[in-house]
Amino acid sequence: MYSAAWHHVHLYSPRSINVDSNMPSYRFLYERHRISDARSADALQLTGSDAPPEGWEIVPSFDAKCLVAYLMSLNQSHPLNEVRSVAGAPAAPAPAGSPPPPSPAPAK
């Protein structure tokens, strides 16, 4: 399962995680703050061209935090049950006395 920090970086800059990503950036969910005393504990750890200028940091907005909390609640780490395919299975016989199925409409 991915961490909240991973989700934030992925939302802010998807191509920093996967260069071939076609996911759009959700930078509008993040705010750029000037660092006054110490970096925020929530500040994104960005590198390269995504990193903010010296003395600035990128922090998630309330909406970004809510979105990441929602994404993390969609826990997909449990095993999925096997489901038998019904494709190609023979059709069940119609009960006695039932009308025949309708004929397909003629092609125009």
Protein backbone atom coordinates (compact mmCIF):
# COMPACT_ATOMS: atom_id res chain seq x y z
CA MET A 1 0.00 0.00 0.00
CA TYR A 2 1.27 3.46 -0.85
CA SER A 3 1.91 6.08 1.83
CA ALA A 4 0.12 9.43 2.07
CA ALA A 5 3.38 11.16 1.07
CA TRP A 6 3.53 9.03 -2.10
CA HIS A 7 -0.07 9.93 -3.00
CA HIS A 8 0.61 13.65 -2.49
CA VAL A 9 3.69 13.62 -4.73
CA HIS A 10 1.80 11.55 -7.32
CA LEU A 11 -1.12 14.00 -7.34
CA TYR A 12 1.18 17.02 -7.48
CA SER A 13 3.49 15.64 -10.17
CA PRO A 14 2.45 12.27 -11.65
CA ARG A 15 5.34 12.24 -14.12
CA SER A 16 7.85 12.40 -11.28
CA ILE A 17 6.60 8.93 -10.29
CA ASN A 18 6.13 7.53 -13.81
CA VAL A 19 7.57 9.46 -16.77
CA ASP A 20 5.01 7.89 -19.15
CA SER A 21 2.01 8.82 -16.98
CA ASN A 22 -0.91 10.47 -18.75
CA MET A 23 -2.55 11.41 -15.44
CA PRO A 24 -3.03 15.17 -15.13
CA SER A 25 -1.36 17.09 -12.33
CA TYR A 26 -3.55 18.26 -9.46
CA ARG A 27 -1.24 21.10 -8.42
CA PHE A 28 -4.25 23.31 -7.72
CA LEU A 29 -4.80 21.21 -4.59
CA TYR A 30 -1.45 22.34 -3.16
CA GLU A 31 -0.19 25.64 -1.79
CA ARG A 32 3.23 27.25 -1.97
CA HIS A 33 4.26 28.73 1.38
CA ARG A 34 7.32 30.68 2.36
CA ILE A 35 9.33 28.84 5.04
CA SER A 36 9.48 31.09 8.10
CA ASP A 37 11.05 29.08 10.94
CA ALA A 38 11.01 25.40 10.04
CA ARG A 39 9.62 23.31 7.21
CA SER A 40 6.08 22.06 7.66
CA ALA A 41 5.73 18.39 8.55
CA ASP A 42 3.28 18.15 5.64
CA ALA A 43 5.65 19.66 3.05
CA LEU A 44 6.09 17.54 -0.07
CA GLN A 45 9.56 16.12 -0.68
CA LEU A 46 10.03 17.21 -4.29
CA THR A 47 13.18 17.05 -6.38
CA GLY A 48 14.41 18.39 -9.70
CA SER A 49 12.19 20.75 -11.67
CA ASP A 50 9.26 20.04 -9.33
CA ALA A 51 11.09 21.35 -6.25
CA PRO A 52 10.00 24.82 -5.09
CA PRO A 53 12.51 27.69 -5.03
CA GLU A 54 14.84 28.01 -2.04
CA GLY A 55 12.93 29.24 1.02
CA TRP A 56 9.58 27.91 -0.20
CA GLU A 57 7.68 24.67 0.31
CA ILE A 58 4.67 22.94 -1.23
CA VAL A 59 2.02 21.82 1.26
CA PRO A 60 -1.28 20.03 0.68
CA SER A 61 -4.50 21.98 1.07
CA PHE A 62 -7.35 20.62 3.17
CA ASP A 63 -8.95 19.25 -0.01
CA ALA A 64 -5.72 17.45 -0.98
CA LYS A 65 -5.54 15.84 2.47
CA CYS A 66 -9.17 14.73 2.20
CA LEU A 67 -8.60 13.29 -1.28
CA VAL A 68 -5.55 11.32 -0.15
CA ALA A 69 -7.43 10.05 2.93
CA TYR A 70 -10.22 8.87 0.62
CA LEU A 71 -7.78 7.19 -1.78
CA MET A 72 -6.11 5.41 1.11
CA SER A 73 -9.49 4.24 2.41
CA LEU A 74 -9.95 2.31 -0.83
CA ASN A 75 -7.70 -0.38 0.60
CA GLN A 76 -7.04 -2.92 -2.15
CA SER A 77 -4.49 -4.98 -0.23
CA HIS A 78 -6.85 -7.88 0.49
CA PRO A 79 -6.96 -10.89 -1.85
CA LEU A 80 -9.73 -11.05 -4.41
CA ASN A 81 -11.90 -14.15 -4.51
CA GLU A 82 -11.74 -16.27 -7.63
CA VAL A 83 -14.84 -16.00 -9.79
CA ARG A 84 -15.58 -18.72 -12.29
CA SER A 85 -16.18 -17.43 -15.77
CA VAL A 86 -19.58 -18.10 -17.27
CA ALA A 87 -18.40 -17.18 -20.77
CA GLY A 88 -18.91 -20.14 -23.06
CA ALA A 89 -21.05 -21.99 -20.53
CA PRO A 90 -24.07 -23.69 -22.10
CA ALA A 91 -27.37 -21.92 -21.66
CA ALA A 92 -29.81 -23.42 -19.20
CA PRO A 93 -32.73 -25.15 -20.90
CA ALA A 94 -36.00 -23.25 -20.97
CA PRO A 95 -38.70 -24.54 -18.63
CA ALA A 96 -41.37 -26.72 -20.26
CA GLY A 97 -44.23 -24.73 -21.74
CA SER A 98 -42.31 -21.45 -22.02
CA PRO A 99 -42.54 -19.47 -25.27
CA PRO A 100 -39.59 -19.70 -27.68
CA PRO A 101 -37.04 -16.86 -27.59
CA PRO A 102 -37.70 -13.98 -30.01
CA SER A 103 -36.02 -14.12 -33.41
CA PRO A 104 -33.36 -11.49 -34.12
CA ALA A 105 -34.56 -8.51 -36.15
CA PRO A 106 -33.66 -8.68 -39.86
CA ALA A 107 -30.72 -6.51 -40.91
CA LYS A 108 -31.56 -3.44 -42.96
